[in-house]
């Protein structure tokens, strides 16, 4: 599903940092992920993003850039540094029928 979303996002609009080259859009992984999340969030209002610094700071690596402005604070949610806590919240939300994107800043700890 993600690859289909990335392909559609690339075809519909070129994110910042993307370059069109003879029918192929070249972009960074960051822009591809951002475009895929944006497209899916536009398509399905049950999708939300939760994680450390994903809203006001727009993600440690700017993956969620612009999503807070477009979708609001109910769908782009900053969390404290409690990975187990927001993982549990996202798991419960999925059981309840929502479609969370649980974003971890890093996995190296």
PDB file of N, CA and C in Angstrom:
ATOM      1  N   UNK A   1       0.820  -1.185   0.000  1.00  0.00           N
ATOM      2  CA  UNK A   1       0.000   0.000   0.000  1.00  0.00           C
ATOM      3  C   UNK A   1       0.867   1.254   0.000  1.00  0.00           C
ATOM      4  N   UNK A   2       1.974   1.247   0.764  1.00  0.00           N
ATOM      5  CA  UNK A   2       2.829   2.415   0.814  1.00  0.00           C
ATOM      6  C   UNK A   2       3.443   2.699  -0.546  1.00  0.00           C
ATOM      7  N   UNK A   3       3.911   1.667  -1.252  1.00  0.00           N
ATOM      8  CA  UNK A   3       4.538   1.910  -2.550  1.00  0.00           C
ATOM      9  C   UNK A   3       3.534   2.475  -3.548  1.00  0.00           C
ATOM     10  N   UNK A   4       2.291   2.017  -3.483  1.00  0.00           N
ATOM     11  CA  UNK A   4       1.247   2.556  -4.356  1.00  0.00           C
ATOM     12  C   UNK A   4       1.000   4.033  -4.019  1.00  0.00           C
ATOM     13  N   UNK A   5       0.961   4.341  -2.729  1.00  0.00           N
ATOM     14  CA  UNK A   5       0.739   5.721  -2.307  1.00  0.00           C
ATOM     15  C   UNK A   5       1.902   6.613  -2.717  1.00  0.00           C
ATOM     16  N   UNK A   6       3.117   6.111  -2.586  1.00  0.00           N
ATOM     17  CA  UNK A   6       4.291   6.890  -2.980  1.00  0.00           C
ATOM     18  C   UNK A   6       4.272   7.142  -4.479  1.00  0.00           C
ATOM     19  N   UNK A   7       3.940   6.136  -5.264  1.00  0.00           N
ATOM     20  CA  UNK A   7       3.872   6.294  -6.718  1.00  0.00           C
ATOM     21  C   UNK A   7       2.821   7.325  -7.103  1.00  0.00           C
ATOM     22  N   UNK A   8       1.641   7.251  -6.471  1.00  0.00           N
ATOM     23  CA  UNK A   8       0.585   8.230  -6.773  1.00  0.00           C
ATOM     24  C   UNK A   8       1.001   9.631  -6.350  1.00  0.00           C
ATOM     25  N   UNK A   9       1.623   9.746  -5.172  1.00  0.00           N
ATOM     26  CA  UNK A   9       2.054  11.059  -4.691  1.00  0.00           C
ATOM     27  C   UNK A   9       3.063  11.673  -5.653  1.00  0.00           C
ATOM     28  N   UNK A  10       3.964  10.855  -6.145  1.00  0.00           N
ATOM     29  CA  UNK A  10       4.966  11.354  -7.084  1.00  0.00           C
ATOM     30  C   UNK A  10       4.332  11.786  -8.392  1.00  0.00           C
ATOM     31  N   UNK A  11       3.333  11.059  -8.837  1.00  0.00           N
ATOM     32  CA  UNK A  11       2.685  11.381 -10.105  1.00  0.00           C
ATOM     33  C   UNK A  11       1.818  12.630  -9.999  1.00  0.00           C
ATOM     34  N   UNK A  12       1.198  12.851  -8.840  1.00  0.00           N
ATOM     35  CA  UNK A  12       0.260  13.962  -8.688  1.00  0.00           C
ATOM     36  C   UNK A  12       0.942  15.290  -8.426  1.00  0.00           C
ATOM     37  N   UNK A  13       1.994  15.272  -7.659  1.00  0.00           N
ATOM     38  CA  UNK A  13       2.669  16.522  -7.355  1.00  0.00           C
ATOM     39  C   UNK A  13       4.113  16.229  -7.004  1.00  0.00           C
ATOM     40  N   UNK A  14       4.953  17.151  -7.275  1.00  0.00           N
ATOM     41  CA  UNK A  14       6.357  16.996  -6.933  1.00  0.00           C
ATOM     42  C   UNK A  14       6.610  17.707  -5.606  1.00  0.00           C
ATOM     43  N   UNK A  15       6.922  16.975  -4.533  1.00  0.00           N
ATOM     44  CA  UNK A  15       7.209  17.606  -3.254  1.00  0.00           C
ATOM     45  C   UNK A  15       8.472  18.450  -3.336  1.00  0.00           C
ATOM     46  N   UNK A  16       8.703  19.245  -2.298  1.00  0.00           N
ATOM     47  CA  UNK A  16       9.940  20.009  -2.228  1.00  0.00           C
ATOM     48  C   UNK A  16      11.111  19.052  -2.354  1.00  0.00           C
ATOM     49  N   UNK A  17      12.084  19.418  -3.098  1.00  0.00           N
ATOM     50  CA  UNK A  17      13.256  18.577  -3.262  1.00  0.00           C
ATOM     51  C   UNK A  17      13.129  17.533  -4.356  1.00  0.00           C
ATOM     52  N   UNK A  18      11.994  17.470  -5.023  1.00  0.00           N
ATOM     53  CA  UNK A  18      11.798  16.475  -6.085  1.00  0.00           C
ATOM     54  C   UNK A  18      12.182  17.072  -7.430  1.00  0.00           C
ATOM     55  N   UNK A  19      12.682  16.221  -8.308  1.00  0.00           N
ATOM     56  CA  UNK A  19      13.027  16.660  -9.657  1.00  0.00           C
ATOM     57  C   UNK A  19      12.410  15.685 -10.645  1.00  0.00           C
ATOM     58  N   UNK A  20      11.782  16.215 -11.675  1.00  0.00           N
ATOM     59  CA  UNK A  20      11.214  15.362 -12.728  1.00  0.00           C
ATOM     60  C   UNK A  20      12.297  15.088 -13.764  1.00  0.00           C
ATOM     61  N   UNK A  21      12.457  13.836 -14.118  1.00  0.00           N
ATOM     62  CA  UNK A  21      13.456  13.450 -15.104  1.00  0.00           C
ATOM     63  C   UNK A  21      12.804  12.492 -16.084  1.00  0.00           C
ATOM     64  N   UNK A  22      12.493  12.960 -17.262  1.00  0.00           N
ATOM     65  CA  UNK A  22      11.910  12.163 -18.344  1.00  0.00           C
ATOM     66  C   UNK A  22      10.840  11.185 -17.854  1.00  0.00           C
ATOM     67  N   UNK A  23       9.794  11.729 -17.234  1.00  0.00           N
ATOM     68  CA  UNK A  23       8.668  10.917 -16.793  1.00  0.00           C
ATOM     69  C   UNK A  23       8.839  10.271 -15.431  1.00  0.00           C
ATOM     70  N   UNK A  24      10.012  10.385 -14.838  1.00  0.00           N
ATOM     71  CA  UNK A  24      10.263   9.806 -13.521  1.00  0.00           C
ATOM     72  C   UNK A  24      10.512  10.946 -12.550  1.00  0.00           C
ATOM     73  N   UNK A  25       9.854  10.900 -11.406  1.00  0.00           N
ATOM     74  CA  UNK A  25      10.088  11.916 -10.390  1.00  0.00           C
ATOM     75  C   UNK A  25      11.095  11.387  -9.392  1.00  0.00           C
ATOM     76  N   UNK A  26      12.180  12.118  -9.226  1.00  0.00           N
ATOM     77  CA  UNK A  26      13.199  11.729  -8.265  1.00  0.00           C
ATOM     78  C   UNK A  26      12.989  12.561  -7.009  1.00  0.00           C
ATOM     79  N   UNK A  27      12.926  11.901  -5.847  1.00  0.00           N
ATOM     80  CA  UNK A  27      12.717  12.625  -4.596  1.00  0.00           C
ATOM     81  C   UNK A  27      13.437  11.903  -3.470  1.00  0.00           C
ATOM     82  N   UNK A  28      13.559  12.589  -2.369  1.00  0.00           N
ATOM     83  CA  UNK A  28      14.175  11.978  -1.198  1.00  0.00           C
ATOM     84  C   UNK A  28      13.181  11.025  -0.537  1.00  0.00           C
ATOM     85  N   UNK A  29      13.694  10.119   0.270  1.00  0.00           N
ATOM     86  CA  UNK A  29      12.824   9.222   1.035  1.00  0.00           C
ATOM     87  C   UNK A  29      11.933  10.053   1.950  1.00  0.00           C
ATOM     88  N   UNK A  30      12.485  11.107   2.548  1.00  0.00           N
ATOM     89  CA  UNK A  30      11.708  11.993   3.421  1.00  0.00           C
ATOM     90  C   UNK A  30      10.506  12.564   2.682  1.00  0.00           C
ATOM     91  N   UNK A  31      10.697  13.077   1.482  1.00  0.00           N
ATOM     92  CA  UNK A  31       9.587  13.652   0.721  1.00  0.00           C
ATOM     93  C   UNK A  31       8.587  12.589   0.283  1.00  0.00           C
ATOM     94  N   UNK A  32       9.080  11.399  -0.038  1.00  0.00           N
ATOM     95  CA  UNK A  32       8.174  10.313  -0.426  1.00  0.00           C
ATOM     96  C   UNK A  32       7.300   9.891   0.749  1.00  0.00           C
ATOM     97  N   UNK A  33       7.894   9.760   1.933  1.00  0.00           N
ATOM     98  CA  UNK A  33       7.115   9.397   3.120  1.00  0.00           C
ATOM     99  C   UNK A  33       6.103  10.482   3.466  1.00  0.00           C
ATOM    100  N   UNK A  34       6.535  11.734   3.407  1.00  0.00           N
ATOM    101  CA  UNK A  34       5.629  12.843   3.701  1.00  0.00           C
ATOM    102  C   UNK A  34       4.471  12.868   2.712  1.00  0.00           C
ATOM    103  N   UNK A  35       4.758  12.697   1.444  1.00  0.00           N
ATOM    104  CA  UNK A  35       3.704  12.697   0.431  1.00  0.00           C
ATOM    105  C   UNK A  35       2.737  11.542   0.598  1.00  0.00           C
ATOM    106  N   UNK A  36       3.263  10.367   0.951  1.00  0.00           N
ATOM    107  CA  UNK A  36       2.397   9.203   1.152  1.00  0.00           C
ATOM    108  C   UNK A  36       1.497   9.394   2.364  1.00  0.00           C
ATOM    109  N   UNK A  37       2.060   9.910   3.464  1.00  0.00           N
ATOM    110  CA  UNK A  37       1.228  10.160   4.647  1.00  0.00           C
ATOM    111  C   UNK A  37       0.160  11.203   4.354  1.00  0.00           C
ATOM    112  N   UNK A  38       0.550  12.283   3.681  1.00  0.00           N
ATOM    113  CA  UNK A  38      -0.410  13.341   3.343  1.00  0.00           C
ATOM    114  C   UNK A  38      -1.543  12.779   2.479  1.00  0.00           C
ATOM    115  N   UNK A  39      -1.197  12.018   1.462  1.00  0.00           N
ATOM    116  CA  UNK A  39      -2.217  11.469   0.569  1.00  0.00           C
ATOM    117  C   UNK A  39      -3.179  10.554   1.317  1.00  0.00           C
ATOM    118  N   UNK A  40      -2.641   9.674   2.144  1.00  0.00           N
ATOM    119  CA  UNK A  40      -3.506   8.751   2.878  1.00  0.00           C
ATOM    120  C   UNK A  40      -4.354   9.488   3.911  1.00  0.00           C
ATOM    121  N   UNK A  41      -3.805  10.519   4.551  1.00  0.00           N
ATOM    122  CA  UNK A  41      -4.582  11.294   5.526  1.00  0.00           C
ATOM    123  C   UNK A  41      -5.690  12.086   4.844  1.00  0.00           C
ATOM    124  N   UNK A  42      -5.457  12.547   3.627  1.00  0.00           N
ATOM    125  CA  UNK A  42      -6.514  13.224   2.866  1.00  0.00           C
ATOM    126  C   UNK A  42      -7.613  12.244   2.483  1.00  0.00           C
ATOM    127  N   UNK A  43      -7.238  11.025   2.194  1.00  0.00           N
ATOM    128  CA  UNK A  43      -8.175  10.002   1.747  1.00  0.00           C
ATOM    129  C   UNK A  43      -9.003   9.425   2.894  1.00  0.00           C
ATOM    130  N   UNK A  44      -8.410   9.292   4.073  1.00  0.00           N
ATOM    131  CA  UNK A  44      -9.060   8.597   5.190  1.00  0.00           C
ATOM    132  C   UNK A  44      -8.917   9.421   6.466  1.00  0.00           C
ATOM    133  N   UNK A  45     -10.021   9.952   6.958  1.00  0.00           N
ATOM    134  CA  UNK A  45      -9.954  10.801   8.159  1.00  0.00           C
ATOM    135  C   UNK A  45      -9.732  10.007   9.444  1.00  0.00           C
ATOM    136  N   UNK A  46      -9.687   8.690   9.374  1.00  0.00           N
ATOM    137  CA  UNK A  46      -9.373   7.870  10.546  1.00  0.00           C
ATOM    138  C   UNK A  46      -7.871   7.721  10.775  1.00  0.00           C
ATOM    139  N   UNK A  47      -7.070   8.213   9.849  1.00  0.00           N
ATOM    140  CA  UNK A  47      -5.615   8.128   9.985  1.00  0.00           C
ATOM    141  C   UNK A  47      -5.122   9.325  10.787  1.00  0.00           C
ATOM    142  N   UNK A  48      -4.242   9.044  11.753  1.00  0.00           N
ATOM    143  CA  UNK A  48      -3.580  10.116  12.495  1.00  0.00           C
ATOM    144  C   UNK A  48      -2.135   9.714  12.753  1.00  0.00           C
ATOM    145  N   UNK A  49      -1.292  10.717  13.025  1.00  0.00           N
ATOM    146  CA  UNK A  49       0.130  10.499  13.293  1.00  0.00           C
ATOM    147  C   UNK A  49       0.388  10.845  14.748  1.00  0.00           C
ATOM    148  N   UNK A  50       1.137   9.996  15.431  1.00  0.00           N
ATOM    149  CA  UNK A  50       1.473  10.242  16.827  1.00  0.00           C
ATOM    150  C   UNK A  50       2.937   9.905  17.041  1.00  0.00           C
ATOM    151  N   UNK A  51       3.650  10.775  17.758  1.00  0.00           N
ATOM    152  CA  UNK A  51       5.047  10.512  18.066  1.00  0.00           C
ATOM    153  C   UNK A  51       5.727  11.726  18.654  1.00  0.00           C
ATOM    154  N   UNK A  52       6.982  11.560  18.986  1.00  0.00           N
ATOM    155  CA  UNK A  52       7.773  12.638  19.576  1.00  0.00           C
ATOM    156  C   UNK A  52       8.069  13.706  18.524  1.00  0.00           C
ATOM    157  N   UNK A  53       7.699  14.925  18.814  1.00  0.00           N
ATOM    158  CA  UNK A  53       8.010  16.097  17.984  1.00  0.00           C
ATOM    159  C   UNK A  53       7.451  16.033  16.568  1.00  0.00           C
ATOM    160  N   UNK A  54       6.377  15.278  16.332  1.00  0.00           N
ATOM    161  CA  UNK A  54       5.827  15.176  14.978  1.00  0.00           C
ATOM    162  C   UNK A  54       4.965  16.374  14.599  1.00  0.00           C
ATOM    163  N   UNK A  55       4.464  17.120  15.572  1.00  0.00           N
ATOM    164  CA  UNK A  55       3.527  18.212  15.274  1.00  0.00           C
ATOM    165  C   UNK A  55       4.256  19.549  15.160  1.00  0.00           C
ATOM    166  N   UNK A  56       4.506  20.200  16.275  1.00  0.00           N
ATOM    167  CA  UNK A  56       5.069  21.550  16.233  1.00  0.00           C
ATOM    168  C   UNK A  56       6.463  21.600  15.629  1.00  0.00           C
ATOM    169  N   UNK A  57       7.300  20.618  15.919  1.00  0.00           N
ATOM    170  CA  UNK A  57       8.655  20.589  15.371  1.00  0.00           C
ATOM    171  C   UNK A  57       8.686  19.963  13.979  1.00  0.00           C
ATOM    172  N   UNK A  58       7.611  19.333  13.566  1.00  0.00           N
ATOM    173  CA  UNK A  58       7.439  18.707  12.249  1.00  0.00           C
ATOM    174  C   UNK A  58       8.312  17.478  12.041  1.00  0.00           C
ATOM    175  N   UNK A  59       8.619  16.795  13.140  1.00  0.00           N
ATOM    176  CA  UNK A  59       9.403  15.569  13.065  1.00  0.00           C
ATOM    177  C   UNK A  59      10.890  15.841  13.174  1.00  0.00           C
ATOM    178  N   UNK A  60      11.593  14.954  13.843  1.00  0.00           N
ATOM    179  CA  UNK A  60      13.037  15.122  14.017  1.00  0.00           C
ATOM    180  C   UNK A  60      13.749  15.181  12.670  1.00  0.00           C
ATOM    181  N   UNK A  61      13.229  14.474  11.688  1.00  0.00           N
ATOM    182  CA  UNK A  61      13.823  14.460  10.350  1.00  0.00           C
ATOM    183  C   UNK A  61      12.904  15.118   9.322  1.00  0.00           C
ATOM    184  N   UNK A  62      11.921  15.880   9.838  1.00  0.00           N
ATOM    185  CA  UNK A  62      10.959  16.655   9.019  1.00  0.00           C
ATOM    186  C   UNK A  62      10.074  15.765   8.143  1.00  0.00           C
ATOM    187  N   UNK A  63       9.832  14.536   8.571  1.00  0.00           N
ATOM    188  CA  UNK A  63       8.951  13.627   7.834  1.00  0.00           C
ATOM    189  C   UNK A  63       7.515  14.135   7.850  1.00  0.00           C
ATOM    190  N   UNK A  64       7.111  14.786   8.938  1.00  0.00           N
ATOM    191  CA  UNK A  64       5.720  15.236   9.079  1.00  0.00           C
ATOM    192  C   UNK A  64       5.552  16.717   8.750  1.00  0.00           C
ATOM    193  N   UNK A  65       6.483  17.278   8.010  1.00  0.00           N
ATOM    194  CA  UNK A  65       6.447  18.702   7.680  1.00  0.00           C
ATOM    195  C   UNK A  65       5.128  19.089   6.997  1.00  0.00           C
ATOM    196  N   UNK A  66       4.456  20.091   7.568  1.00  0.00           N
ATOM    197  CA  UNK A  66       3.226  20.618   6.985  1.00  0.00           C
ATOM    198  C   UNK A  66       1.957  19.874   7.368  1.00  0.00           C
ATOM    199  N   UNK A  67       2.073  18.710   8.003  1.00  0.00           N
ATOM    200  CA  UNK A  67       0.878  17.925   8.317  1.00  0.00           C
ATOM    201  C   UNK A  67       0.044  18.562   9.421  1.00  0.00           C
ATOM    202  N   UNK A  68       0.684  19.155  10.429  1.00  0.00           N
ATOM    203  CA  UNK A  68      -0.067  19.810  11.502  1.00  0.00           C
ATOM    204  C   UNK A  68      -0.921  20.937  10.946  1.00  0.00           C
ATOM    205  N   UNK A  69      -0.360  21.749  10.079  1.00  0.00           N
ATOM    206  CA  UNK A  69      -1.099  22.867   9.494  1.00  0.00           C
ATOM    207  C   UNK A  69      -2.274  22.376   8.651  1.00  0.00           C
ATOM    208  N   UNK A  70      -2.080  21.291   7.940  1.00  0.00           N
ATOM    209  CA  UNK A  70      -3.127  20.796   7.055  1.00  0.00           C
ATOM    210  C   UNK A  70      -4.209  20.002   7.787  1.00  0.00           C
ATOM    211  N   UNK A  71      -3.822  19.203   8.787  1.00  0.00           N
ATOM    212  CA  UNK A  71      -4.780  18.285   9.404  1.00  0.00           C
ATOM    213  C   UNK A  71      -5.142  18.620  10.844  1.00  0.00           C
ATOM    214  N   UNK A  72      -4.405  19.507  11.483  1.00  0.00           N
ATOM    215  CA  UNK A  72      -4.738  19.930  12.838  1.00  0.00           C
ATOM    216  C   UNK A  72      -4.189  19.029  13.928  1.00  0.00           C
ATOM    217  N   UNK A  73      -4.331  19.521  15.156  1.00  0.00           N
ATOM    218  CA  UNK A  73      -3.712  18.860  16.309  1.00  0.00           C
ATOM    219  C   UNK A  73      -4.433  17.594  16.763  1.00  0.00           C
ATOM    220  N   UNK A  74      -5.621  17.323  16.260  1.00  0.00           N
ATOM    221  CA  UNK A  74      -6.295  16.069  16.606  1.00  0.00           C
ATOM    222  C   UNK A  74      -5.780  14.906  15.768  1.00  0.00           C
ATOM    223  N   UNK A  75      -5.129  15.219  14.641  1.00  0.00           N
ATOM    224  CA  UNK A  75      -4.638  14.152  13.762  1.00  0.00           C
ATOM    225  C   UNK A  75      -3.116  14.106  13.673  1.00  0.00           C
ATOM    226  N   UNK A  76      -2.445  15.111  14.194  1.00  0.00           N
ATOM    227  CA  UNK A  76      -0.981  15.121  14.258  1.00  0.00           C
ATOM    228  C   UNK A  76      -0.641  15.453  15.709  1.00  0.00           C
ATOM    229  N   UNK A  77      -0.241  14.435  16.463  1.00  0.00           N
ATOM    230  CA  UNK A  77      -0.187  14.533  17.919  1.00  0.00           C
ATOM    231  C   UNK A  77       1.238  14.362  18.435  1.00  0.00           C
ATOM    232  N   UNK A  78       1.736  15.394  19.133  1.00  0.00           N
ATOM    233  CA  UNK A  78       3.021  15.291  19.818  1.00  0.00           C
ATOM    234  C   UNK A  78       2.857  14.460  21.083  1.00  0.00           C
ATOM    235  N   UNK A  79       3.886  13.695  21.411  1.00  0.00           N
ATOM    236  CA  UNK A  79       3.866  12.885  22.630  1.00  0.00           C
ATOM    237  C   UNK A  79       5.104  13.195  23.460  1.00  0.00           C
ATOM    238  N   UNK A  80       5.065  12.863  24.741  1.00  0.00           N
ATOM    239  CA  UNK A  80       6.306  12.916  25.517  1.00  0.00           C
ATOM    240  C   UNK A  80       7.221  11.760  25.098  1.00  0.00           C
ATOM    241  N   UNK A  81       8.407  11.729  25.661  1.00  0.00           N
ATOM    242  CA  UNK A  81       9.354  10.668  25.329  1.00  0.00           C
ATOM    243  C   UNK A  81       8.951   9.412  26.105  1.00  0.00           C
ATOM    244  N   UNK A  82       7.939   8.740  25.595  1.00  0.00           N
ATOM    245  CA  UNK A  82       7.399   7.526  26.228  1.00  0.00           C
ATOM    246  C   UNK A  82       6.991   6.554  25.126  1.00  0.00           C
ATOM    247  N   UNK A  83       7.973   5.968  24.472  1.00  0.00           N
ATOM    248  CA  UNK A  83       7.696   5.111  23.324  1.00  0.00           C
ATOM    249  C   UNK A  83       6.699   4.003  23.648  1.00  0.00           C
ATOM    250  N   UNK A  84       6.864   3.356  24.786  1.00  0.00           N
ATOM    251  CA  UNK A  84       5.932   2.283  25.155  1.00  0.00           C
ATOM    252  C   UNK A  84       4.524   2.836  25.341  1.00  0.00           C
ATOM    253  N   UNK A  85       4.424   4.042  25.886  1.00  0.00           N
ATOM    254  CA  UNK A  85       3.114   4.652  26.103  1.00  0.00           C
ATOM    255  C   UNK A  85       2.380   4.949  24.816  1.00  0.00           C
ATOM    256  N   UNK A  86       3.030   5.642  23.878  1.00  0.00           N
ATOM    257  CA  UNK A  86       2.292   5.970  22.655  1.00  0.00           C
ATOM    258  C   UNK A  86       2.168   4.781  21.715  1.00  0.00           C
ATOM    259  N   UNK A  87       3.027   3.773  21.885  1.00  0.00           N
ATOM    260  CA  UNK A  87       2.813   2.529  21.141  1.00  0.00           C
ATOM    261  C   UNK A  87       1.522   1.866  21.610  1.00  0.00           C
ATOM    262  N   UNK A  88       1.309   1.860  22.911  1.00  0.00           N
ATOM    263  CA  UNK A  88       0.074   1.302  23.460  1.00  0.00           C
ATOM    264  C   UNK A  88      -1.153   2.077  23.030  1.00  0.00           C
ATOM    265  N   UNK A  89      -1.050   3.399  23.010  1.00  0.00           N
ATOM    266  CA  UNK A  89      -2.173   4.230  22.567  1.00  0.00           C
ATOM    267  C   UNK A  89      -2.501   3.928  21.107  1.00  0.00           C
ATOM    268  N   UNK A  90      -1.477   3.841  20.267  1.00  0.00           N
ATOM    269  CA  UNK A  90      -1.708   3.547  18.846  1.00  0.00           C
ATOM    270  C   UNK A  90      -2.289   2.149  18.655  1.00  0.00           C
ATOM    271  N   UNK A  91      -1.830   1.191  19.438  1.00  0.00           N
ATOM    272  CA  UNK A  91      -2.372  -0.165  19.347  1.00  0.00           C
ATOM    273  C   UNK A  91      -3.846  -0.170  19.720  1.00  0.00           C
ATOM    274  N   UNK A  92      -4.184   0.496  20.818  1.00  0.00           N
ATOM    275  CA  UNK A  92      -5.586   0.586  21.227  1.00  0.00           C
ATOM    276  C   UNK A  92      -6.437   1.303  20.201  1.00  0.00           C
ATOM    277  N   UNK A  93      -5.899   2.369  19.620  1.00  0.00           N
ATOM    278  CA  UNK A  93      -6.637   3.108  18.589  1.00  0.00           C
ATOM    279  C   UNK A  93      -6.914   2.218  17.379  1.00  0.00           C
ATOM    280  N   UNK A  94      -5.938   1.396  17.010  1.00  0.00           N
ATOM    281  CA  UNK A  94      -6.136   0.482  15.878  1.00  0.00           C
ATOM    282  C   UNK A  94      -7.213  -0.552  16.197  1.00  0.00           C
ATOM    283  N   UNK A  95      -7.215  -1.067  17.420  1.00  0.00           N
ATOM    284  CA  UNK A  95      -8.274  -2.007  17.832  1.00  0.00           C
ATOM    285  C   UNK A  95      -9.645  -1.349  17.781  1.00  0.00           C
ATOM    286  N   UNK A  96      -9.691  -0.037  18.006  1.00  0.00           N
ATOM    287  CA  UNK A  96     -10.964   0.691  18.006  1.00  0.00           C
ATOM    288  C   UNK A  96     -11.391   1.122  16.603  1.00  0.00           C
ATOM    289  N   UNK A  97     -10.588   0.792  15.582  1.00  0.00           N
ATOM    290  CA  UNK A  97     -10.976   1.095  14.208  1.00  0.00           C
ATOM    291  C   UNK A  97     -10.286   2.292  13.587  1.00  0.00           C
ATOM    292  N   UNK A  98      -9.446   2.995  14.355  1.00  0.00           N
ATOM    293  CA  UNK A  98      -8.679   4.099  13.782  1.00  0.00           C
ATOM    294  C   UNK A  98      -7.450   3.531  13.074  1.00  0.00           C
ATOM    295  N   UNK A  99      -6.740   4.390  12.354  1.00  0.00           N
ATOM    296  CA  UNK A  99      -5.570   3.938  11.596  1.00  0.00           C
ATOM    297  C   UNK A  99      -4.367   4.799  11.970  1.00  0.00           C
ATOM    298  N   UNK A 100      -3.738   4.495  13.097  1.00  0.00           N
ATOM    299  CA  UNK A 100      -2.629   5.321  13.571  1.00  0.00           C
ATOM    300  C   UNK A 100      -1.331   5.078  12.806  1.00  0.00           C
ATOM    301  N   UNK A 101      -0.562   6.146  12.669  1.00  0.00           N
ATOM    302  CA  UNK A 101       0.823   6.052  12.224  1.00  0.00           C
ATOM    303  C   UNK A 101       1.642   6.398  13.460  1.00  0.00           C
ATOM    304  N   UNK A 102       2.320   5.411  14.002  1.00  0.00           N
ATOM    305  CA  UNK A 102       3.093   5.572  15.236  1.00  0.00           C
ATOM    306  C   UNK A 102       4.537   5.835  14.824  1.00  0.00           C
ATOM    307  N   UNK A 103       4.986   7.070  14.973  1.00  0.00           N
ATOM    308  CA  UNK A 103       6.311   7.435  14.485  1.00  0.00           C
ATOM    309  C   UNK A 103       7.315   7.474  15.623  1.00  0.00           C
ATOM    310  N   UNK A 104       8.357   6.653  15.500  1.00  0.00           N
ATOM    311  CA  UNK A 104       9.436   6.643  16.477  1.00  0.00           C
ATOM    312  C   UNK A 104      10.577   7.490  15.936  1.00  0.00           C
ATOM    313  N   UNK A 105      11.121   8.349  16.783  1.00  0.00           N
ATOM    314  CA  UNK A 105      12.217   9.205  16.356  1.00  0.00           C
ATOM    315  C   UNK A 105      13.417   8.357  15.943  1.00  0.00           C
ATOM    316  N   UNK A 106      13.712   7.336  16.735  1.00  0.00           N
ATOM    317  CA  UNK A 106      14.843   6.464  16.447  1.00  0.00           C
ATOM    318  C   UNK A 106      14.625   5.121  17.146  1.00  0.00           C
ATOM    319  N   UNK A 107      15.240   4.094  16.647  1.00  0.00           N
ATOM    320  CA  UNK A 107      15.094   2.767  17.248  1.00  0.00           C
ATOM    321  C   UNK A 107      16.377   2.303  17.933  1.00  0.00           C
ATOM    322  N   UNK A 108      17.346   3.160  18.094  1.00  0.00           N
ATOM    323  CA  UNK A 108      18.657   2.711  18.575  1.00  0.00           C
ATOM    324  C   UNK A 108      18.828   2.800  20.090  1.00  0.00           C
ATOM    325  N   UNK A 109      17.759   2.729  20.835  1.00  0.00           N
ATOM    326  CA  UNK A 109      17.916   2.735  22.289  1.00  0.00           C
ATOM    327  C   UNK A 109      17.034   1.683  22.920  1.00  0.00           C
TER     328      UNK A 109
END
